[in-house]
Amino acid sequence: MPKIKSAKKALRQNVKRRAVNEKRKIDLKTVIKDFKKMIETGKQDEAKAFLSTVYKKLDKSEKVDLIKKNKASRLKSRLTKLVNKK
């Protein structure tokens, strides 16, 4: 455990930020999973409408440095291909 006041504060900040990042990561994965389920079950129209929500989550995750820029772009590309393929 830290002894210095600034180190204690840094630890508190780290704990809070970690909790927020975990929540964001889980939300992102859930959105992507839901999107893939829509495609598997054959709900193409719903999936196309839901694609903008997925894009929004990916862009926000990229903006807050949860994921890197290229990963967000790669995921968007792959998910768009899935929609257009079937």
N, C-alpha and C. Protein backbone atom coordinates (compact mmCIF):
# COMPACT_ATOMS: atom_id res chain seq x y z
N MET A 1 0.83 -1.18 0.00
CA MET A 1 0.00 0.00 0.00
C MET A 1 0.88 1.25 0.00
N PRO A 2 0.45 2.26 -0.74
CA PRO A 2 1.24 3.48 -0.79
C PRO A 2 1.22 4.24 0.54
N LYS A 3 2.30 4.94 0.81
CA LYS A 3 2.39 5.71 2.05
C LYS A 3 2.30 7.21 1.79
N ILE A 4 2.76 7.62 0.63
CA ILE A 4 2.78 9.03 0.27
C ILE A 4 1.38 9.45 -0.20
N LYS A 5 1.01 10.67 0.18
CA LYS A 5 -0.35 11.17 -0.10
C LYS A 5 -0.68 11.13 -1.60
N SER A 6 0.25 11.57 -2.43
CA SER A 6 -0.01 11.61 -3.88
C SER A 6 -0.13 10.19 -4.46
N ALA A 7 0.61 9.26 -3.89
CA ALA A 7 0.53 7.87 -4.35
C ALA A 7 -0.81 7.25 -3.96
N LYS A 8 -1.32 7.63 -2.78
CA LYS A 8 -2.63 7.15 -2.35
C LYS A 8 -3.72 7.66 -3.30
N LYS A 9 -3.62 8.94 -3.67
CA LYS A 9 -4.60 9.52 -4.58
C LYS A 9 -4.50 8.84 -5.95
N ALA A 10 -3.29 8.60 -6.41
CA ALA A 10 -3.09 7.94 -7.71
C ALA A 10 -3.72 6.54 -7.70
N LEU A 11 -3.61 5.85 -6.59
CA LEU A 11 -4.21 4.52 -6.46
C LEU A 11 -5.73 4.60 -6.54
N ARG A 12 -6.31 5.60 -5.82
CA ARG A 12 -7.77 5.78 -5.86
C ARG A 12 -8.23 6.06 -7.29
N GLN A 13 -7.50 6.93 -8.00
CA GLN A 13 -7.86 7.27 -9.37
C GLN A 13 -7.77 6.04 -10.27
N ASN A 14 -6.73 5.25 -10.06
CA ASN A 14 -6.51 4.05 -10.87
C ASN A 14 -7.66 3.06 -10.69
N VAL A 15 -8.11 2.90 -9.46
CA VAL A 15 -9.22 1.97 -9.18
C VAL A 15 -10.49 2.44 -9.88
N LYS A 16 -10.78 3.73 -9.81
CA LYS A 16 -11.99 4.27 -10.45
C LYS A 16 -11.91 4.13 -11.97
N ARG A 17 -10.77 4.48 -12.52
CA ARG A 17 -10.60 4.42 -13.98
C ARG A 17 -10.69 2.99 -14.48
N ARG A 18 -10.14 2.07 -13.71
CA ARG A 18 -10.20 0.67 -14.10
C ARG A 18 -11.64 0.19 -14.15
N ALA A 19 -12.43 0.58 -13.17
CA ALA A 19 -13.84 0.18 -13.13
C ALA A 19 -14.60 0.73 -14.34
N VAL A 20 -14.34 1.98 -14.68
CA VAL A 20 -15.00 2.60 -15.84
C VAL A 20 -14.58 1.90 -17.13
N ASN A 21 -13.28 1.62 -17.26
CA ASN A 21 -12.79 0.97 -18.47
C ASN A 21 -13.34 -0.44 -18.62
N GLU A 22 -13.44 -1.18 -17.51
CA GLU A 22 -14.01 -2.53 -17.58
C GLU A 22 -15.46 -2.48 -18.03
N LYS A 23 -16.22 -1.52 -17.51
CA LYS A 23 -17.63 -1.37 -17.91
C LYS A 23 -17.73 -1.07 -19.39
N ARG A 24 -16.91 -0.15 -19.87
CA ARG A 24 -16.93 0.21 -21.28
C ARG A 24 -16.56 -0.98 -22.16
N LYS A 25 -15.57 -1.75 -21.73
CA LYS A 25 -15.13 -2.91 -22.50
C LYS A 25 -16.23 -3.96 -22.59
N ILE A 26 -16.89 -4.21 -21.46
CA ILE A 26 -17.99 -5.18 -21.43
C ILE A 26 -19.13 -4.71 -22.33
N ASP A 27 -19.46 -3.42 -22.27
CA ASP A 27 -20.53 -2.87 -23.11
C ASP A 27 -20.20 -3.03 -24.59
N LEU A 28 -18.95 -2.76 -24.95
CA LEU A 28 -18.53 -2.88 -26.34
C LEU A 28 -18.66 -4.33 -26.82
N LYS A 29 -18.16 -5.26 -26.00
CA LYS A 29 -18.24 -6.67 -26.38
C LYS A 29 -19.69 -7.14 -26.50
N THR A 30 -20.56 -6.65 -25.61
CA THR A 30 -21.97 -7.03 -25.64
C THR A 30 -22.63 -6.54 -26.92
N VAL A 31 -22.34 -5.31 -27.31
CA VAL A 31 -22.92 -4.75 -28.53
C VAL A 31 -22.49 -5.56 -29.75
N ILE A 32 -21.21 -5.91 -29.80
CA ILE A 32 -20.70 -6.68 -30.93
C ILE A 32 -21.32 -8.07 -30.96
N LYS A 33 -21.45 -8.69 -29.78
CA LYS A 33 -22.07 -10.02 -29.69
C LYS A 33 -23.52 -9.98 -30.16
N ASP A 34 -24.26 -8.98 -29.71
CA ASP A 34 -25.66 -8.83 -30.12
C ASP A 34 -25.77 -8.67 -31.63
N PHE A 35 -24.86 -7.88 -32.19
CA PHE A 35 -24.85 -7.66 -33.63
C PHE A 35 -24.61 -8.97 -34.39
N LYS A 36 -23.63 -9.74 -33.92
CA LYS A 36 -23.33 -11.02 -34.59
C LYS A 36 -24.48 -12.01 -34.45
N LYS A 37 -25.17 -11.98 -33.32
CA LYS A 37 -26.33 -12.86 -33.14
C LYS A 37 -27.44 -12.51 -34.12
N MET A 38 -27.64 -11.21 -34.35
CA MET A 38 -28.65 -10.77 -35.32
C MET A 38 -28.35 -11.33 -36.71
N ILE A 39 -27.09 -11.29 -37.07
CA ILE A 39 -26.70 -11.78 -38.39
C ILE A 39 -26.89 -13.29 -38.48
N GLU A 40 -26.50 -14.01 -37.42
CA GLU A 40 -26.62 -15.47 -37.43
C GLU A 40 -28.07 -15.92 -37.50
N THR A 41 -28.95 -15.18 -36.84
CA THR A 41 -30.37 -15.56 -36.84
C THR A 41 -31.10 -15.07 -38.08
N GLY A 42 -30.41 -14.33 -38.93
CA GLY A 42 -31.00 -13.92 -40.20
C GLY A 42 -31.78 -12.62 -40.13
N LYS A 43 -31.56 -11.83 -39.14
CA LYS A 43 -32.25 -10.54 -39.02
C LYS A 43 -31.41 -9.45 -39.66
N GLN A 44 -31.32 -9.47 -40.98
CA GLN A 44 -30.45 -8.56 -41.71
C GLN A 44 -30.87 -7.10 -41.56
N ASP A 45 -32.18 -6.83 -41.65
CA ASP A 45 -32.64 -5.44 -41.56
C ASP A 45 -32.33 -4.84 -40.20
N GLU A 46 -32.57 -5.63 -39.15
CA GLU A 46 -32.26 -5.16 -37.80
C GLU A 46 -30.75 -4.94 -37.64
N ALA A 47 -29.97 -5.84 -38.21
CA ALA A 47 -28.51 -5.74 -38.10
C ALA A 47 -28.01 -4.48 -38.80
N LYS A 48 -28.57 -4.17 -39.97
CA LYS A 48 -28.15 -2.96 -40.68
C LYS A 48 -28.50 -1.71 -39.88
N ALA A 49 -29.67 -1.73 -39.24
CA ALA A 49 -30.06 -0.58 -38.42
C ALA A 49 -29.17 -0.48 -37.16
N PHE A 50 -28.79 -1.62 -36.63
CA PHE A 50 -27.99 -1.68 -35.41
C PHE A 50 -26.52 -1.36 -35.66
N LEU A 51 -26.12 -1.41 -36.93
CA LEU A 51 -24.71 -1.18 -37.29
C LEU A 51 -24.24 0.22 -36.85
N SER A 52 -25.13 1.20 -36.94
CA SER A 52 -24.74 2.56 -36.54
C SER A 52 -24.45 2.61 -35.04
N THR A 53 -25.18 1.84 -34.25
CA THR A 53 -24.93 1.78 -32.81
C THR A 53 -23.57 1.15 -32.53
N VAL A 54 -23.25 0.12 -33.29
CA VAL A 54 -21.95 -0.54 -33.13
C VAL A 54 -20.84 0.44 -33.49
N TYR A 55 -21.01 1.16 -34.59
CA TYR A 55 -20.02 2.16 -35.00
C TYR A 55 -19.83 3.20 -33.91
N LYS A 56 -20.93 3.64 -33.33
CA LYS A 56 -20.87 4.66 -32.29
C LYS A 56 -20.05 4.17 -31.09
N LYS A 57 -20.31 2.93 -30.68
CA LYS A 57 -19.57 2.36 -29.55
C LYS A 57 -18.08 2.24 -29.87
N LEU A 58 -17.78 1.78 -31.10
CA LEU A 58 -16.38 1.61 -31.49
C LEU A 58 -15.67 2.96 -31.53
N ASP A 59 -16.33 3.96 -32.09
CA ASP A 59 -15.72 5.29 -32.18
C ASP A 59 -15.48 5.88 -30.80
N LYS A 60 -16.44 5.72 -29.91
CA LYS A 60 -16.29 6.24 -28.55
C LYS A 60 -15.16 5.50 -27.82
N SER A 61 -15.08 4.19 -28.01
CA SER A 61 -14.02 3.41 -27.38
C SER A 61 -12.65 3.84 -27.87
N GLU A 62 -12.59 4.15 -29.16
CA GLU A 62 -11.34 4.62 -29.74
C GLU A 62 -10.98 6.00 -29.19
N LYS A 63 -11.98 6.85 -29.06
CA LYS A 63 -11.75 8.22 -28.61
C LYS A 63 -11.20 8.27 -27.18
N VAL A 64 -11.68 7.39 -26.32
CA VAL A 64 -11.24 7.39 -24.93
C VAL A 64 -10.06 6.44 -24.70
N ASP A 65 -9.44 6.01 -25.79
CA ASP A 65 -8.25 5.15 -25.75
C ASP A 65 -8.49 3.80 -25.09
N LEU A 66 -9.69 3.29 -25.24
CA LEU A 66 -9.97 1.94 -24.75
C LEU A 66 -9.40 0.92 -25.73
N ILE A 67 -9.56 1.22 -27.03
CA ILE A 67 -8.96 0.40 -28.08
C ILE A 67 -8.21 1.34 -29.03
N LYS A 68 -7.33 0.76 -29.82
CA LYS A 68 -6.55 1.58 -30.75
C LYS A 68 -7.35 1.88 -32.00
N LYS A 69 -6.89 2.90 -32.72
CA LYS A 69 -7.58 3.39 -33.90
C LYS A 69 -7.72 2.31 -34.98
N ASN A 70 -6.63 1.59 -35.24
CA ASN A 70 -6.67 0.57 -36.28
C ASN A 70 -7.57 -0.60 -35.92
N LYS A 71 -7.64 -0.92 -34.63
CA LYS A 71 -8.52 -2.01 -34.20
C LYS A 71 -9.97 -1.63 -34.44
N ALA A 72 -10.32 -0.39 -34.12
CA ALA A 72 -11.69 0.08 -34.34
C ALA A 72 -12.02 0.02 -35.83
N SER A 73 -11.11 0.48 -36.66
CA SER A 73 -11.32 0.46 -38.11
C SER A 73 -11.45 -0.97 -38.62
N ARG A 74 -10.61 -1.85 -38.12
CA ARG A 74 -10.64 -3.24 -38.55
C ARG A 74 -11.96 -3.90 -38.18
N LEU A 75 -12.42 -3.66 -36.95
CA LEU A 75 -13.69 -4.25 -36.52
C LEU A 75 -14.86 -3.71 -37.33
N LYS A 76 -14.85 -2.40 -37.59
CA LYS A 76 -15.93 -1.81 -38.39
C LYS A 76 -15.97 -2.45 -39.78
N SER A 77 -14.80 -2.62 -40.37
CA SER A 77 -14.72 -3.20 -41.70
C SER A 77 -15.25 -4.64 -41.71
N ARG A 78 -14.82 -5.44 -40.74
CA ARG A 78 -15.22 -6.84 -40.69
C ARG A 78 -16.72 -6.99 -40.42
N LEU A 79 -17.25 -6.15 -39.54
CA LEU A 79 -18.68 -6.24 -39.22
C LEU A 79 -19.52 -5.80 -40.40
N THR A 80 -19.06 -4.80 -41.13
CA THR A 80 -19.77 -4.34 -42.33
C THR A 80 -19.78 -5.43 -43.39
N LYS A 81 -18.65 -6.12 -43.52
CA LYS A 81 -18.58 -7.24 -44.48
C LYS A 81 -19.57 -8.32 -44.12
N LEU A 82 -19.70 -8.60 -42.82
CA LEU A 82 -20.65 -9.63 -42.38
C LEU A 82 -22.08 -9.28 -42.79
N VAL A 83 -22.45 -8.02 -42.63
CA VAL A 83 -23.81 -7.58 -42.98
C VAL A 83 -24.04 -7.71 -44.47
N ASN A 84 -23.07 -7.27 -45.25
CA ASN A 84 -23.24 -7.24 -46.71
C ASN A 84 -23.11 -8.63 -47.34
N LYS A 85 -22.46 -9.54 -46.64
CA LYS A 85 -22.21 -10.88 -47.19
C LYS A 85 -23.49 -11.70 -47.32
N LYS A 86 -24.32 -11.66 -46.30
CA LYS A 86 -25.49 -12.54 -46.29
C LYS A 86 -26.70 -11.92 -46.91
